[in-house]
Amino acid sequence: MDELIEAILEMTKEMKYCLEEEMFAEFEQLLNDRHVLMNRVNVLKNEEVNFEYSQTSRQRLEEIQVIDRQLAPLLEKNIMETKALIGQMKRQKQVSKQYNPYIKQTNGVFLDSKR
């Protein structure tokens, strides 16, 4: 159990580094891996009756919570920036459609069907 919690702590530290360095793909992978480890901890915890964390595990879990609290504002900031960029791209697309609604055909043949 202590090894799993230690691994979760290390992944959380790596997640913070990836988020600060804007390595979002790696951040997402670490988040998924950490979720798997957390599920394993929950399964082990539920298997034992009257389970209690050891003192070192409690300290590690507190460290994880502190880092997670630091990650929340960073993640929120990145989400807001991404939403702003998506909105800007949508506006640019609408503007370009208004100024260039169709493409003029420069080559080809026009056939008059009345003659």
C-alpha atoms as a PDB file:
ATOM      1  CA  MET A   1       0.000   0.000   0.000  1.00  0.00           C
ATOM      2  CA  ASP A   2       2.795   2.425   0.915  1.00  0.00           C
ATOM      3  CA  GLU A   3       4.495   1.742  -2.428  1.00  0.00           C
ATOM      4  CA  LEU A   4       1.318   2.619  -4.334  1.00  0.00           C
ATOM      5  CA  ILE A   5       0.886   5.856  -2.412  1.00  0.00           C
ATOM      6  CA  GLU A   6       4.541   6.717  -2.998  1.00  0.00           C
ATOM      7  CA  ALA A   7       4.032   6.095  -6.736  1.00  0.00           C
ATOM      8  CA  ILE A   8       0.965   8.340  -6.697  1.00  0.00           C
ATOM      9  CA  LEU A   9       3.015  11.085  -5.030  1.00  0.00           C
ATOM     10  CA  GLU A  10       5.747  10.822  -7.664  1.00  0.00           C
ATOM     11  CA  MET A  11       3.185  10.908 -10.480  1.00  0.00           C
ATOM     12  CA  THR A  12       1.573  13.962  -8.923  1.00  0.00           C
ATOM     13  CA  LYS A  13       4.930  15.748  -8.828  1.00  0.00           C
ATOM     14  CA  GLU A  14       5.518  14.825 -12.482  1.00  0.00           C
ATOM     15  CA  MET A  15       2.032  16.072 -13.341  1.00  0.00           C
ATOM     16  CA  LYS A  16       2.860  19.448 -11.803  1.00  0.00           C
ATOM     17  CA  TYR A  17       6.060  19.653 -13.831  1.00  0.00           C
ATOM     18  CA  CYS A  18       4.254  18.692 -17.062  1.00  0.00           C
ATOM     19  CA  LEU A  19       1.536  21.268 -16.475  1.00  0.00           C
ATOM     20  CA  GLU A  20       4.063  24.018 -15.757  1.00  0.00           C
ATOM     21  CA  GLU A  21       6.025  23.106 -18.912  1.00  0.00           C
ATOM     22  CA  GLU A  22       2.790  22.862 -20.960  1.00  0.00           C
ATOM     23  CA  MET A  23       3.327  19.201 -21.834  1.00  0.00           C
ATOM     24  CA  PHE A  24      -0.378  18.432 -21.900  1.00  0.00           C
ATOM     25  CA  ALA A  25      -0.263  14.996 -23.545  1.00  0.00           C
ATOM     26  CA  GLU A  26       2.130  13.722 -20.885  1.00  0.00           C
ATOM     27  CA  PHE A  27      -0.002  15.362 -18.196  1.00  0.00           C
ATOM     28  CA  GLU A  28      -3.084  13.536 -19.430  1.00  0.00           C
ATOM     29  CA  GLN A  29      -1.254  10.198 -19.521  1.00  0.00           C
ATOM     30  CA  LEU A  30       0.036  10.699 -15.969  1.00  0.00           C
ATOM     31  CA  LEU A  31      -3.451  11.661 -14.828  1.00  0.00           C
ATOM     32  CA  ASN A  32      -4.868   8.436 -16.258  1.00  0.00           C
ATOM     33  CA  ASP A  33      -2.062   6.341 -14.745  1.00  0.00           C
ATOM     34  CA  ARG A  34      -2.540   7.992 -11.370  1.00  0.00           C
ATOM     35  CA  HIS A  35      -6.262   7.269 -11.539  1.00  0.00           C
ATOM     36  CA  VAL A  36      -5.501   3.575 -12.063  1.00  0.00           C
ATOM     37  CA  LEU A  37      -3.206   3.533  -9.032  1.00  0.00           C
ATOM     38  CA  MET A  38      -5.796   5.326  -6.924  1.00  0.00           C
ATOM     39  CA  ASN A  39      -8.370   2.714  -7.869  1.00  0.00           C
ATOM     40  CA  ARG A  40      -5.952  -0.025  -6.814  1.00  0.00           C
ATOM     41  CA  VAL A  41      -5.457   1.701  -3.445  1.00  0.00           C
ATOM     42  CA  ASN A  42      -9.241   1.903  -2.997  1.00  0.00           C
ATOM     43  CA  VAL A  43      -9.639  -1.789  -3.805  1.00  0.00           C
ATOM     44  CA  LEU A  44      -6.942  -2.756  -1.301  1.00  0.00           C
ATOM     45  CA  LYS A  45      -8.444  -0.426   1.288  1.00  0.00           C
ATOM     46  CA  ASN A  46     -11.924  -1.902   0.831  1.00  0.00           C
ATOM     47  CA  GLU A  47     -10.649  -5.477   1.123  1.00  0.00           C
ATOM     48  CA  GLU A  48      -9.396  -4.933   4.677  1.00  0.00           C
ATOM     49  CA  VAL A  49     -11.760  -4.521   7.597  1.00  0.00           C
ATOM     50  CA  ASN A  50     -11.039  -1.475   9.799  1.00  0.00           C
ATOM     51  CA  PHE A  51      -8.320  -0.258   7.463  1.00  0.00           C
ATOM     52  CA  GLU A  52      -6.089   2.590   8.626  1.00  0.00           C
ATOM     53  CA  TYR A  53      -3.305   4.337   6.733  1.00  0.00           C
ATOM     54  CA  SER A  54       0.182   4.263   8.209  1.00  0.00           C
ATOM     55  CA  GLN A  55       1.741   7.509   9.410  1.00  0.00           C
ATOM     56  CA  THR A  56       3.998   7.773   6.342  1.00  0.00           C
ATOM     57  CA  SER A  57       1.046   7.118   4.046  1.00  0.00           C
ATOM     58  CA  ARG A  58      -0.914   9.896   5.715  1.00  0.00           C
ATOM     59  CA  GLN A  59       1.989  12.292   5.243  1.00  0.00           C
ATOM     60  CA  ARG A  60       2.299  11.314   1.582  1.00  0.00           C
ATOM     61  CA  LEU A  61      -1.443  11.766   1.061  1.00  0.00           C
ATOM     62  CA  GLU A  62      -1.239  15.237   2.587  1.00  0.00           C
ATOM     63  CA  GLU A  63       1.635  16.095   0.238  1.00  0.00           C
ATOM     64  CA  ILE A  64      -0.457  14.868  -2.681  1.00  0.00           C
ATOM     65  CA  GLN A  65      -3.360  17.067  -1.598  1.00  0.00           C
ATOM     66  CA  VAL A  66      -1.103  20.119  -1.330  1.00  0.00           C
ATOM     67  CA  ILE A  67       0.245  19.562  -4.844  1.00  0.00           C
ATOM     68  CA  ASP A  68      -3.271  18.959  -6.186  1.00  0.00           C
ATOM     69  CA  ARG A  69      -4.386  22.269  -4.698  1.00  0.00           C
ATOM     70  CA  GLN A  70      -1.492  23.952  -6.492  1.00  0.00           C
ATOM     71  CA  LEU A  71      -2.434  22.245  -9.762  1.00  0.00           C
ATOM     72  CA  ALA A  72      -6.070  23.345  -9.708  1.00  0.00           C
ATOM     73  CA  PRO A  73      -5.446  27.063 -10.490  1.00  0.00           C
ATOM     74  CA  LEU A  74      -2.853  26.181 -13.149  1.00  0.00           C
ATOM     75  CA  LEU A  75      -5.263  23.794 -14.800  1.00  0.00           C
ATOM     76  CA  GLU A  76      -8.119  26.299 -14.616  1.00  0.00           C
ATOM     77  CA  LYS A  77      -5.906  28.985 -16.188  1.00  0.00           C
ATOM     78  CA  ASN A  78      -4.952  26.673 -19.061  1.00  0.00           C
ATOM     79  CA  ILE A  79      -8.581  25.702 -19.625  1.00  0.00           C
ATOM     80  CA  MET A  80      -9.630  29.365 -19.778  1.00  0.00           C
ATOM     81  CA  GLU A  81      -6.818  30.154 -22.237  1.00  0.00           C
ATOM     82  CA  THR A  82      -7.864  27.235 -24.424  1.00  0.00           C
ATOM     83  CA  LYS A  83     -11.505  28.335 -24.381  1.00  0.00           C
ATOM     84  CA  ALA A  84     -10.445  31.856 -25.369  1.00  0.00           C
ATOM     85  CA  LEU A  85      -8.340  30.523 -28.251  1.00  0.00           C
ATOM     86  CA  ILE A  86     -11.209  28.338 -29.478  1.00  0.00           C
ATOM     87  CA  GLY A  87     -13.554  31.328 -29.379  1.00  0.00           C
ATOM     88  CA  GLN A  88     -11.038  33.450 -31.256  1.00  0.00           C
ATOM     89  CA  MET A  89     -10.647  30.764 -33.924  1.00  0.00           C
ATOM     90  CA  LYS A  90     -14.440  30.559 -34.347  1.00  0.00           C
ATOM     91  CA  ARG A  91     -14.672  34.335 -34.777  1.00  0.00           C
ATOM     92  CA  GLN A  92     -11.841  34.327 -37.311  1.00  0.00           C
ATOM     93  CA  LYS A  93     -13.559  31.560 -39.246  1.00  0.00           C
ATOM     94  CA  GLN A  94     -16.841  33.514 -39.317  1.00  0.00           C
ATOM     95  CA  VAL A  95     -15.102  36.685 -40.461  1.00  0.00           C
ATOM     96  CA  SER A  96     -13.237  34.891 -43.223  1.00  0.00           C
ATOM     97  CA  LYS A  97     -16.495  33.318 -44.416  1.00  0.00           C
ATOM     98  CA  GLN A  98     -18.146  36.751 -44.588  1.00  0.00           C
ATOM     99  CA  TYR A  99     -15.343  38.316 -46.605  1.00  0.00           C
ATOM    100  CA  ASN A 100     -14.802  35.296 -48.817  1.00  0.00           C
ATOM    101  CA  PRO A 101     -18.214  33.596 -49.129  1.00  0.00           C
ATOM    102  CA  TYR A 102     -17.386  31.706 -52.286  1.00  0.00           C
ATOM    103  CA  ILE A 103     -14.412  30.964 -54.449  1.00  0.00           C
ATOM    104  CA  LYS A 104     -14.458  32.348 -57.980  1.00  0.00           C
ATOM    105  CA  GLN A 105     -13.920  29.716 -60.576  1.00  0.00           C
ATOM    106  CA  THR A 106     -11.014  30.730 -62.767  1.00  0.00           C
ATOM    107  CA  ASN A 107     -11.049  27.890 -65.226  1.00  0.00           C
ATOM    108  CA  GLY A 108     -13.717  25.723 -66.787  1.00  0.00           C
ATOM    109  CA  VAL A 109     -16.507  26.021 -69.290  1.00  0.00           C
ATOM    110  CA  PHE A 110     -19.834  27.795 -69.032  1.00  0.00           C
ATOM    111  CA  LEU A 111     -22.607  26.134 -71.010  1.00  0.00           C
ATOM    112  CA  ASP A 112     -25.745  28.088 -71.861  1.00  0.00           C
ATOM    113  CA  SER A 113     -28.611  25.603 -71.913  1.00  0.00           C
ATOM    114  CA  LYS A 114     -31.113  27.874 -73.771  1.00  0.00           C
ATOM    115  CA  ARG A 115     -29.353  27.662 -77.135  1.00  0.00           C
END
